[in-house]
Amino acid sequence: QVQLVESGGGLVQAGGSLRLSCAASGGTFSSYAMGWFRQAPGKERDFVAAISWNGGNTYYADSVKGRFTISRDNARNTVSLQMTSLKPEDTAVYYCTAGSARKMIYTSSSDYWGQGTQVTVSS
């Protein structure tokens, strides 16, 4: 069983940056693809980004491509999401997830989830 704990959310003005982090425990971190999803009020949870087990491949939703960067550190069992040029429409609860990148991208589902961290972007 993998436990995931997110951190780094907060309030930021439009155009600003935030860095989310996720610490994993309880499993073999390097055996999982890692990802980030987000859920805005009244909307479904959407895929944001994913990274393969060794960091060799990254995947992004079109809405964040060029602004967000996902990375991982297998030695520290962490995954991060660097968010720049933030927009009010990026406001959501952001969830860290572990599982299959294909499953994340094509089915918007995954195996393990964190509790989420709130990101609010003011205009």
Protein backbone atom coordinates (compact mmCIF):
# COMPACT_ATOMS: atom_id res chain seq x y z
CA GLN A 1 0.00 0.00 0.00
CA VAL A 2 1.40 3.37 -1.05
CA GLN A 3 0.78 6.48 1.02
CA LEU A 4 1.06 9.88 -0.65
CA VAL A 5 1.23 13.25 1.07
CA GLU A 6 1.09 16.48 -0.89
CA SER A 7 2.44 19.86 0.17
CA GLY A 8 3.11 23.29 -1.29
CA GLY A 9 -0.36 24.53 -2.16
CA GLY A 10 -1.50 28.02 -1.35
CA LEU A 11 -2.76 31.34 -2.66
CA VAL A 12 -0.92 33.06 -5.49
CA GLN A 13 -1.66 35.90 -7.88
CA ALA A 14 -2.19 35.28 -11.57
CA GLY A 15 1.14 35.04 -13.34
CA GLY A 16 2.86 33.69 -10.26
CA SER A 17 4.44 30.34 -9.51
CA LEU A 18 4.03 27.52 -7.04
CA ARG A 19 5.80 24.23 -6.50
CA LEU A 20 3.86 21.22 -5.28
CA SER A 21 5.61 18.26 -3.72
CA CYS A 22 4.43 14.75 -2.93
CA ALA A 23 6.17 12.36 -0.57
CA ALA A 24 5.55 8.65 -1.01
CA SER A 25 5.94 5.83 1.48
CA GLY A 26 4.94 2.22 1.92
CA GLY A 27 5.80 0.90 -1.51
CA THR A 28 8.51 0.63 -4.13
CA PHE A 29 8.41 4.18 -5.40
CA SER A 30 10.51 3.56 -8.49
CA SER A 31 8.11 0.89 -9.73
CA TYR A 32 5.28 3.39 -10.26
CA ALA A 33 4.57 6.13 -12.68
CA MET A 34 3.60 9.24 -10.74
CA GLY A 35 1.12 11.90 -11.66
CA TRP A 36 -0.91 14.91 -10.69
CA PHE A 37 -4.61 15.48 -11.14
CA ARG A 38 -6.75 18.43 -10.16
CA GLN A 39 -10.37 19.02 -9.30
CA ALA A 40 -12.04 22.41 -9.41
CA PRO A 41 -15.29 23.06 -7.53
CA GLY A 42 -18.22 21.42 -9.27
CA LYS A 43 -16.03 19.71 -11.85
CA GLU A 44 -14.56 16.28 -12.39
CA ARG A 45 -11.03 15.40 -11.45
CA ASP A 46 -8.78 15.99 -14.47
CA PHE A 47 -5.38 14.69 -15.47
CA VAL A 48 -2.62 17.31 -15.24
CA ALA A 49 0.74 15.59 -15.66
CA ALA A 50 2.49 12.24 -15.33
CA ILE A 51 6.05 10.97 -15.27
CA SER A 52 7.34 7.47 -15.96
CA TRP A 53 9.04 5.33 -13.32
CA ASN A 54 12.54 6.51 -14.26
CA GLY A 55 11.62 10.06 -15.22
CA GLY A 56 12.40 9.39 -18.86
CA ASN A 57 8.96 10.26 -20.13
CA THR A 58 6.62 13.06 -19.13
CA TYR A 59 3.06 13.76 -20.17
CA TYR A 60 0.95 16.90 -19.81
CA ALA A 61 -2.58 18.04 -20.32
CA ASP A 62 -2.80 20.59 -23.12
CA SER A 63 -4.04 23.21 -20.67
CA VAL A 64 -0.77 23.17 -18.70
CA LYS A 65 1.79 22.29 -21.37
CA GLY A 66 4.63 24.78 -21.38
CA ARG A 67 3.70 26.14 -17.95
CA PHE A 68 3.95 23.13 -15.62
CA THR A 69 6.87 20.76 -15.17
CA ILE A 70 6.70 17.40 -13.42
CA SER A 71 9.82 15.80 -11.96
CA ARG A 72 10.71 13.00 -9.57
CA ASP A 73 13.52 11.99 -7.25
CA ASN A 74 13.57 8.23 -6.78
CA ALA A 75 16.26 8.48 -4.11
CA ARG A 76 13.95 10.62 -1.96
CA ASN A 77 10.62 9.07 -3.01
CA THR A 78 9.25 12.42 -4.08
CA VAL A 79 7.52 13.88 -7.09
CA SER A 80 7.10 17.58 -7.75
CA LEU A 81 5.01 19.82 -9.95
CA GLN A 82 6.50 23.21 -10.77
CA MET A 83 3.71 25.54 -11.86
CA THR A 84 4.44 28.85 -13.57
CA SER A 85 2.37 31.52 -15.29
CA LEU A 86 -0.55 30.48 -13.15
CA LYS A 87 -4.06 31.45 -14.21
CA PRO A 88 -7.28 31.72 -12.20
CA GLU A 89 -8.55 28.65 -14.05
CA ASP A 90 -5.72 26.64 -12.46
CA THR A 91 -7.52 27.01 -9.13
CA ALA A 92 -8.30 23.51 -7.84
CA VAL A 93 -7.40 20.85 -5.35
CA TYR A 94 -4.32 19.09 -6.70
CA TYR A 95 -3.87 15.37 -6.07
CA CYS A 96 -0.74 13.30 -6.27
CA THR A 97 -1.16 9.80 -7.62
CA ALA A 98 0.85 6.62 -8.21
CA GLY A 99 0.13 3.89 -10.73
CA SER A 100 0.20 3.49 -14.50
CA ALA A 101 0.79 6.51 -16.72
CA ARG A 102 -1.40 4.96 -19.42
CA LYS A 103 -4.24 4.53 -16.96
CA MET A 104 -3.88 8.11 -15.75
CA ILE A 105 -3.89 9.59 -19.24
CA TYR A 106 -6.55 7.45 -20.93
CA THR A 107 -8.93 6.63 -18.09
CA SER A 108 -8.34 9.48 -15.63
CA SER A 109 -7.89 6.94 -12.90
CA SER A 110 -5.04 5.57 -10.86
CA ASP A 111 -4.14 3.18 -8.09
CA TYR A 112 -3.11 5.37 -5.15
CA TRP A 113 -4.10 8.91 -4.24
CA GLY A 114 -3.04 11.57 -1.80
CA GLN A 115 -5.45 13.74 0.13
CA GLY A 116 -4.93 16.78 -2.05
CA THR A 117 -3.62 20.30 -1.62
CA GLN A 118 -5.50 23.48 -2.47
CA VAL A 119 -4.13 25.88 -5.07
CA THR A 120 -5.92 29.19 -5.46
CA VAL A 121 -4.94 31.68 -8.14
CA SER A 122 -6.37 35.16 -7.76
CA SER A 123 -6.94 37.48 -10.69
